[in-house]
Amino acid sequence: SNHIPLAIRFPGGMKKSGRVIDDFVDFTDI
């Protein structure tokens, strides 16, 4: 119910792309 897709792209603000993140994040962070 609550598990959602999330991908973010911003080359200018990322040191390394193509990473898979395990951190738990939610919509209060947006």
PDB file of all heavy atoms in Angstrom:
ATOM      1  N   SER A   1       0.826  -1.203   0.000  1.00  0.00           N
ATOM      2  CA  SER A   1       0.000   0.000   0.000  1.00  0.00           C
ATOM      3  C   SER A   1       0.862   1.256   0.000  1.00  0.00           C
ATOM      4  O   SER A   1       0.623   2.196  -0.768  1.00  0.00           O
ATOM      5  CB  SER A   1      -0.910   0.019   1.230  1.00  0.00           C
ATOM      6  OG  SER A   1      -1.664  -1.159   1.341  1.00  0.00           O
ATOM      7  N   ASN A   2       1.862   1.267   0.866  1.00  0.00           N
ATOM      8  CA  ASN A   2       2.648   2.471   1.120  1.00  0.00           C
ATOM      9  C   ASN A   2       3.995   2.497   0.391  1.00  0.00           C
ATOM     10  O   ASN A   2       4.597   3.559   0.255  1.00  0.00           O
ATOM     11  CB  ASN A   2       2.888   2.629   2.618  1.00  0.00           C
ATOM     12  CG  ASN A   2       1.604   2.773   3.400  1.00  0.00           C
ATOM     13  OD1 ASN A   2       0.895   1.793   3.635  1.00  0.00           O
ATOM     14  ND2 ASN A   2       1.273   3.981   3.799  1.00  0.00           N
ATOM     15  N   HIS A   3       4.448   1.357  -0.071  1.00  0.00           N
ATOM     16  CA  HIS A   3       5.735   1.263  -0.756  1.00  0.00           C
ATOM     17  C   HIS A   3       5.593   1.853  -2.156  1.00  0.00           C
ATOM     18  O   HIS A   3       4.705   1.477  -2.917  1.00  0.00           O
ATOM     19  CB  HIS A   3       6.149  -0.211  -0.846  1.00  0.00           C
ATOM     20  CG  HIS A   3       7.564  -0.418  -1.263  1.00  0.00           C
ATOM     21  ND1 HIS A   3       8.016  -1.575  -1.859  1.00  0.00           N
ATOM     22  CD2 HIS A   3       8.661   0.384  -1.171  1.00  0.00           C
ATOM     23  CE1 HIS A   3       9.301  -1.479  -2.114  1.00  0.00           C
ATOM     24  NE2 HIS A   3       9.724  -0.297  -1.700  1.00  0.00           N
ATOM     25  N   ILE A   4       6.466   2.778  -2.508  1.00  0.00           N
ATOM     26  CA  ILE A   4       6.320   3.528  -3.765  1.00  0.00           C
ATOM     27  C   ILE A   4       7.633   3.565  -4.545  1.00  0.00           C
ATOM     28  O   ILE A   4       8.709   3.367  -3.975  1.00  0.00           O
ATOM     29  CB  ILE A   4       5.867   4.980  -3.492  1.00  0.00           C
ATOM     30  CG1 ILE A   4       6.786   5.632  -2.458  1.00  0.00           C
ATOM     31  CG2 ILE A   4       4.408   5.024  -3.061  1.00  0.00           C
ATOM     32  CD1 ILE A   4       6.604   7.097  -2.292  1.00  0.00           C
ATOM     33  N   PRO A   5       7.556   3.839  -5.864  1.00  0.00           N
ATOM     34  CA  PRO A   5       8.778   4.044  -6.645  1.00  0.00           C
ATOM     35  C   PRO A   5       9.368   5.426  -6.360  1.00  0.00           C
ATOM     36  O   PRO A   5       8.632   6.374  -6.089  1.00  0.00           O
ATOM     37  CB  PRO A   5       8.277   3.957  -8.089  1.00  0.00           C
ATOM     38  CG  PRO A   5       6.852   4.401  -8.020  1.00  0.00           C
ATOM     39  CD  PRO A   5       6.337   3.952  -6.682  1.00  0.00           C
ATOM     40  N   LEU A   6      10.674   5.530  -6.434  1.00  0.00           N
ATOM     41  CA  LEU A   6      11.334   6.835  -6.286  1.00  0.00           C
ATOM     42  C   LEU A   6      12.707   6.782  -6.946  1.00  0.00           C
ATOM     43  O   LEU A   6      13.557   5.962  -6.578  1.00  0.00           O
ATOM     44  CB  LEU A   6      11.497   7.215  -4.811  1.00  0.00           C
ATOM     45  CG  LEU A   6      12.241   8.535  -4.550  1.00  0.00           C
ATOM     46  CD1 LEU A   6      11.491   9.724  -5.127  1.00  0.00           C
ATOM     47  CD2 LEU A   6      12.481   8.735  -3.043  1.00  0.00           C
ATOM     48  N   ALA A   7      12.899   7.639  -7.931  1.00  0.00           N
ATOM     49  CA  ALA A   7      14.209   7.813  -8.569  1.00  0.00           C
ATOM     50  C   ALA A   7      14.454   9.303  -8.746  1.00  0.00           C
ATOM     51  O   ALA A   7      13.517  10.065  -9.000  1.00  0.00           O
ATOM     52  CB  ALA A   7      14.272   7.092  -9.913  1.00  0.00           C
ATOM     53  N   ILE A   8      15.712   9.710  -8.604  1.00  0.00           N
ATOM     54  CA  ILE A   8      16.078  11.132  -8.677  1.00  0.00           C
ATOM     55  C   ILE A   8      17.328  11.293  -9.536  1.00  0.00           C
ATOM     56  O   ILE A   8      18.307  10.554  -9.374  1.00  0.00           O
ATOM     57  CB  ILE A   8      16.334  11.715  -7.273  1.00  0.00           C
ATOM     58  CG1 ILE A   8      15.085  11.552  -6.386  1.00  0.00           C
ATOM     59  CG2 ILE A   8      16.734  13.184  -7.358  1.00  0.00           C
ATOM     60  CD1 ILE A   8      15.281  12.000  -4.958  1.00  0.00           C
ATOM     61  N   ARG A   9      17.282  12.271 -10.432  1.00  0.00           N
ATOM     62  CA  ARG A   9      18.434  12.585 -11.288  1.00  0.00           C
ATOM     63  C   ARG A   9      18.800  14.058 -11.134  1.00  0.00           C
ATOM     64  O   ARG A   9      17.950  14.916 -11.261  1.00  0.00           O
ATOM     65  CB  ARG A   9      18.096  12.307 -12.760  1.00  0.00           C
ATOM     66  CG  ARG A   9      19.262  12.527 -13.726  1.00  0.00           C
ATOM     67  CD  ARG A   9      18.792  12.434 -15.173  1.00  0.00           C
ATOM     68  NE  ARG A   9      19.901  12.404 -16.126  1.00  0.00           N
ATOM     69  CZ  ARG A   9      20.538  13.478 -16.592  1.00  0.00           C
ATOM     70  NH1 ARG A   9      20.185  14.701 -16.173  1.00  0.00           N
ATOM     71  NH2 ARG A   9      21.526  13.348 -17.461  1.00  0.00           N
ATOM     72  N   PHE A  10      20.062  14.333 -10.849  1.00  0.00           N
ATOM     73  CA  PHE A  10      20.557  15.710 -10.802  1.00  0.00           C
ATOM     74  C   PHE A  10      22.082  15.677 -10.875  1.00  0.00           C
ATOM     75  O   PHE A  10      22.767  15.725  -9.853  1.00  0.00           O
ATOM     76  CB  PHE A  10      20.083  16.420  -9.536  1.00  0.00           C
ATOM     77  CG  PHE A  10      20.535  17.855  -9.434  1.00  0.00           C
ATOM     78  CD1 PHE A  10      20.597  18.673 -10.565  1.00  0.00           C
ATOM     79  CD2 PHE A  10      20.899  18.398  -8.217  1.00  0.00           C
ATOM     80  CE1 PHE A  10      21.032  19.984 -10.474  1.00  0.00           C
ATOM     81  CE2 PHE A  10      21.328  19.718  -8.118  1.00  0.00           C
ATOM     82  CZ  PHE A  10      21.387  20.510  -9.251  1.00  0.00           C
ATOM     83  N   PRO A  11      22.635  15.547 -12.080  1.00  0.00           N
ATOM     84  CA  PRO A  11      24.094  15.416 -12.234  1.00  0.00           C
ATOM     85  C   PRO A  11      24.878  16.517 -11.531  1.00  0.00           C
ATOM     86  O   PRO A  11      25.938  16.261 -10.955  1.00  0.00           O
ATOM     87  CB  PRO A  11      24.300  15.477 -13.753  1.00  0.00           C
ATOM     88  CG  PRO A  11      23.002  15.031 -14.326  1.00  0.00           C
ATOM     89  CD  PRO A  11      21.946  15.528 -13.374  1.00  0.00           C
ATOM     90  N   GLY A  12      24.347  17.742 -11.559  1.00  0.00           N
ATOM     91  CA  GLY A  12      25.056  18.847 -10.941  1.00  0.00           C
ATOM     92  C   GLY A  12      25.125  18.768  -9.432  1.00  0.00           C
ATOM     93  O   GLY A  12      25.932  19.452  -8.807  1.00  0.00           O
ATOM     94  N   GLY A  13      24.285  17.923  -8.839  1.00  0.00           N
ATOM     95  CA  GLY A  13      24.256  17.825  -7.386  1.00  0.00           C
ATOM     96  C   GLY A  13      24.544  16.435  -6.866  1.00  0.00           C
ATOM     97  O   GLY A  13      24.253  16.127  -5.711  1.00  0.00           O
ATOM     98  N   MET A  14      25.117  15.587  -7.719  1.00  0.00           N
ATOM     99  CA  MET A  14      25.448  14.220  -7.310  1.00  0.00           C
ATOM    100  C   MET A  14      26.907  13.923  -7.638  1.00  0.00           C
ATOM    101  O   MET A  14      27.376  14.186  -8.733  1.00  0.00           O
ATOM    102  CB  MET A  14      24.559  13.201  -8.040  1.00  0.00           C
ATOM    103  CG  MET A  14      23.105  13.226  -7.634  1.00  0.00           C
ATOM    104  SD  MET A  14      22.178  11.928  -8.510  1.00  0.00           S
ATOM    105  CE  MET A  14      20.534  12.192  -7.829  1.00  0.00           C
ATOM    106  N   LYS A  15      27.603  13.342  -6.684  1.00  0.00           N
ATOM    107  CA  LYS A  15      28.991  12.954  -6.928  1.00  0.00           C
ATOM    108  C   LYS A  15      29.075  11.625  -7.663  1.00  0.00           C
ATOM    109  O   LYS A  15      30.044  11.370  -8.374  1.00  0.00           O
ATOM    110  CB  LYS A  15      29.746  12.866  -5.588  1.00  0.00           C
ATOM    111  CG  LYS A  15      29.888  14.189  -4.864  1.00  0.00           C
ATOM    112  CD  LYS A  15      30.621  14.012  -3.549  1.00  0.00           C
ATOM    113  CE  LYS A  15      30.747  15.338  -2.804  1.00  0.00           C
ATOM    114  NZ  LYS A  15      31.425  15.164  -1.487  1.00  0.00           N
ATOM    115  N   LYS A  16      28.075  10.790  -7.464  1.00  0.00           N
ATOM    116  CA  LYS A  16      28.103   9.459  -8.073  1.00  0.00           C
ATOM    117  C   LYS A  16      26.694   9.034  -8.432  1.00  0.00           C
ATOM    118  O   LYS A  16      25.801   9.052  -7.591  1.00  0.00           O
ATOM    119  CB  LYS A  16      28.743   8.450  -7.123  1.00  0.00           C
ATOM    120  CG  LYS A  16      28.993   7.088  -7.749  1.00  0.00           C
ATOM    121  CD  LYS A  16      29.714   6.174  -6.772  1.00  0.00           C
ATOM    122  CE  LYS A  16      29.986   4.812  -7.411  1.00  0.00           C
ATOM    123  NZ  LYS A  16      30.662   3.889  -6.464  1.00  0.00           N
ATOM    124  N   SER A  17      26.493   8.653  -9.684  1.00  0.00           N
ATOM    125  CA  SER A  17      25.173   8.218 -10.137  1.00  0.00           C
ATOM    126  C   SER A  17      25.090   6.693 -10.164  1.00  0.00           C
ATOM    127  O   SER A  17      26.079   5.998  -9.891  1.00  0.00           O
ATOM    128  CB  SER A  17      24.892   8.791 -11.527  1.00  0.00           C
ATOM    129  OG  SER A  17      25.859   8.315 -12.454  1.00  0.00           O
ATOM    130  N   GLY A  18      23.912   6.183 -10.526  1.00  0.00           N
ATOM    131  CA  GLY A  18      23.720   4.751 -10.639  1.00  0.00           C
ATOM    132  C   GLY A  18      23.681   4.025  -9.306  1.00  0.00           C
ATOM    133  O   GLY A  18      23.856   2.800  -9.250  1.00  0.00           O
ATOM    134  N   ARG A  19      23.441   4.758  -8.233  1.00  0.00           N
ATOM    135  CA  ARG A  19      23.438   4.135  -6.901  1.00  0.00           C
ATOM    136  C   ARG A  19      22.043   3.631  -6.524  1.00  0.00           C
ATOM    137  O   ARG A  19      21.033   4.226  -6.882  1.00  0.00           O
ATOM    138  CB  ARG A  19      23.911   5.134  -5.846  1.00  0.00           C
ATOM    139  CG  ARG A  19      25.380   5.495  -5.957  1.00  0.00           C
ATOM    140  CD  ARG A  19      25.783   6.520  -4.907  1.00  0.00           C
ATOM    141  NE  ARG A  19      25.176   7.828  -5.166  1.00  0.00           N
ATOM    142  CZ  ARG A  19      24.635   8.613  -4.229  1.00  0.00           C
ATOM    143  NH1 ARG A  19      24.586   8.216  -2.974  1.00  0.00           N
ATOM    144  NH2 ARG A  19      24.135   9.787  -4.562  1.00  0.00           N
ATOM    145  N   VAL A  20      22.011   2.540  -5.776  1.00  0.00           N
ATOM    146  CA  VAL A  20      20.775   2.008  -5.192  1.00  0.00           C
ATOM    147  C   VAL A  20      20.815   2.324  -3.702  1.00  0.00           C
ATOM    148  O   VAL A  20      21.748   1.923  -2.996  1.00  0.00           O
ATOM    149  CB  VAL A  20      20.649   0.494  -5.416  1.00  0.00           C
ATOM    150  CG1 VAL A  20      19.373  -0.035  -4.758  1.00  0.00           C
ATOM    151  CG2 VAL A  20      20.653   0.170  -6.909  1.00  0.00           C
ATOM    152  N   ILE A  21      19.812   3.060  -3.224  1.00  0.00           N
ATOM    153  CA  ILE A  21      19.797   3.558  -1.844  1.00  0.00           C
ATOM    154  C   ILE A  21      18.858   2.716  -0.990  1.00  0.00           C
ATOM    155  O   ILE A  21      17.701   2.469  -1.352  1.00  0.00           O
ATOM    156  CB  ILE A  21      19.354   5.034  -1.811  1.00  0.00           C
ATOM    157  CG1 ILE A  21      20.228   5.879  -2.731  1.00  0.00           C
ATOM    158  CG2 ILE A  21      19.365   5.559  -0.376  1.00  0.00           C
ATOM    159  CD1 ILE A  21      21.696   5.884  -2.378  1.00  0.00           C
ATOM    160  N   ASP A  22      19.347   2.285   0.173  1.00  0.00           N
ATOM    161  CA  ASP A  22      18.545   1.493   1.105  1.00  0.00           C
ATOM    162  C   ASP A  22      17.882   2.333   2.195  1.00  0.00           C
ATOM    163  O   ASP A  22      17.029   1.824   2.926  1.00  0.00           O
ATOM    164  CB  ASP A  22      19.411   0.420   1.782  1.00  0.00           C
ATOM    165  CG  ASP A  22      19.876  -0.655   0.813  1.00  0.00           C
ATOM    166  OD1 ASP A  22      19.239  -0.817  -0.245  1.00  0.00           O
ATOM    167  OD2 ASP A  22      20.893  -1.331   1.112  1.00  0.00           O
ATOM    168  N   ASP A  23      18.274   3.586   2.336  1.00  0.00           N
ATOM    169  CA  ASP A  23      17.705   4.442   3.382  1.00  0.00           C
ATOM    170  C   ASP A  23      16.185   4.488   3.269  1.00  0.00           C
ATOM    171  O   ASP A  23      15.623   4.557   2.174  1.00  0.00           O
ATOM    172  CB  ASP A  23      18.233   5.871   3.254  1.00  0.00           C
ATOM    173  CG  ASP A  23      19.717   5.973   3.535  1.00  0.00           C
ATOM    174  OD1 ASP A  23      20.475   5.140   3.011  1.00  0.00           O
ATOM    175  OD2 ASP A  23      20.122   6.900   4.250  1.00  0.00           O
ATOM    176  N   PHE A  24      15.511   4.499   4.412  1.00  0.00           N
ATOM    177  CA  PHE A  24      14.060   4.660   4.439  1.00  0.00           C
ATOM    178  C   PHE A  24      13.737   6.157   4.344  1.00  0.00           C
ATOM    179  O   PHE A  24      14.201   6.962   5.158  1.00  0.00           O
ATOM    180  CB  PHE A  24      13.483   4.082   5.728  1.00  0.00           C
ATOM    181  CG  PHE A  24      13.305   2.590   5.673  1.00  0.00           C
ATOM    182  CD1 PHE A  24      14.404   1.740   5.667  1.00  0.00           C
ATOM    183  CD2 PHE A  24      12.034   2.031   5.607  1.00  0.00           C
ATOM    184  CE1 PHE A  24      14.247   0.367   5.602  1.00  0.00           C
ATOM    185  CE2 PHE A  24      11.866   0.651   5.541  1.00  0.00           C
ATOM    186  CZ  PHE A  24      12.974  -0.182   5.534  1.00  0.00           C
ATOM    187  N   VAL A  25      12.969   6.505   3.334  1.00  0.00           N
ATOM    188  CA  VAL A  25      12.555   7.890   3.125  1.00  0.00           C
ATOM    189  C   VAL A  25      11.049   7.914   2.924  1.00  0.00           C
ATOM    190  O   VAL A  25      10.436   6.910   2.544  1.00  0.00           O
ATOM    191  CB  VAL A  25      13.264   8.528   1.908  1.00  0.00           C
ATOM    192  CG1 VAL A  25      14.774   8.555   2.125  1.00  0.00           C
ATOM    193  CG2 VAL A  25      12.933   7.777   0.627  1.00  0.00           C
ATOM    194  N   ASP A  26      10.441   9.074   3.185  1.00  0.00           N
ATOM    195  CA  ASP A  26       8.998   9.174   2.973  1.00  0.00           C
ATOM    196  C   ASP A  26       8.628  10.580   2.522  1.00  0.00           C
ATOM    197  O   ASP A  26       9.479  11.463   2.414  1.00  0.00           O
ATOM    198  CB  ASP A  26       8.220   8.747   4.224  1.00  0.00           C
ATOM    199  CG  ASP A  26       8.383   9.695   5.399  1.00  0.00           C
ATOM    200  OD1 ASP A  26       8.096  10.908   5.240  1.00  0.00           O
ATOM    201  OD2 ASP A  26       8.780   9.257   6.500  1.00  0.00           O
ATOM    202  N   PHE A  27       7.346  10.779   2.257  1.00  0.00           N
ATOM    203  CA  PHE A  27       6.870  12.021   1.654  1.00  0.00           C
ATOM    204  C   PHE A  27       6.998  13.246   2.554  1.00  0.00           C
ATOM    205  O   PHE A  27       6.909  14.370   2.064  1.00  0.00           O
ATOM    206  CB  PHE A  27       5.422  11.862   1.214  1.00  0.00           C
ATOM    207  CG  PHE A  27       5.256  11.176  -0.121  1.00  0.00           C
ATOM    208  CD1 PHE A  27       3.990  10.814  -0.574  1.00  0.00           C
ATOM    209  CD2 PHE A  27       6.344  10.901  -0.931  1.00  0.00           C
ATOM    210  CE1 PHE A  27       3.821  10.195  -1.803  1.00  0.00           C
ATOM    211  CE2 PHE A  27       6.196  10.282  -2.160  1.00  0.00           C
ATOM    212  CZ  PHE A  27       4.919   9.931  -2.596  1.00  0.00           C
ATOM    213  N   THR A  28       7.195  13.065   3.855  1.00  0.00           N
ATOM    214  CA  THR A  28       7.412  14.250   4.691  1.00  0.00           C
ATOM    215  C   THR A  28       8.722  14.939   4.317  1.00  0.00           C
ATOM    216  O   THR A  28       8.925  16.117   4.619  1.00  0.00           O
ATOM    217  CB  THR A  28       7.447  13.895   6.195  1.00  0.00           C
ATOM    218  OG1 THR A  28       8.546  13.006   6.458  1.00  0.00           O
ATOM    219  CG2 THR A  28       6.139  13.252   6.648  1.00  0.00           C
ATOM    220  N   ASP A  29       9.616  14.222   3.623  1.00  0.00           N
ATOM    221  CA  ASP A  29      10.927  14.770   3.266  1.00  0.00           C
ATOM    222  C   ASP A  29      10.890  15.686   2.043  1.00  0.00           C
ATOM    223  O   ASP A  29      11.839  16.434   1.804  1.00  0.00           O
ATOM    224  CB  ASP A  29      11.912  13.630   2.965  1.00  0.00           C
ATOM    225  CG  ASP A  29      12.145  12.701   4.143  1.00  0.00           C
ATOM    226  OD1 ASP A  29      12.165  13.189   5.285  1.00  0.00           O
ATOM    227  OD2 ASP A  29      12.310  11.483   3.908  1.00  0.00           O
ATOM    228  N   ILE A  30       9.834  15.596   1.238  1.00  0.00           N
ATOM    229  CA  ILE A  30       9.851  16.296  -0.052  1.00  0.00           C
ATOM    230  C   ILE A  30       9.857  17.813   0.116  1.00  0.00           C
ATOM    231  O   ILE A  30      10.606  18.528  -0.560  1.00  0.00           O
ATOM    232  CB  ILE A  30       8.681  15.831  -0.932  1.00  0.00           C
ATOM    233  CG1 ILE A  30       8.942  14.393  -1.398  1.00  0.00           C
ATOM    234  CG2 ILE A  30       8.491  16.757  -2.132  1.00  0.00           C
ATOM    235  CD1 ILE A  30       7.846  13.792  -2.247  1.00  0.00           C
TER     236      ILE A  30
END
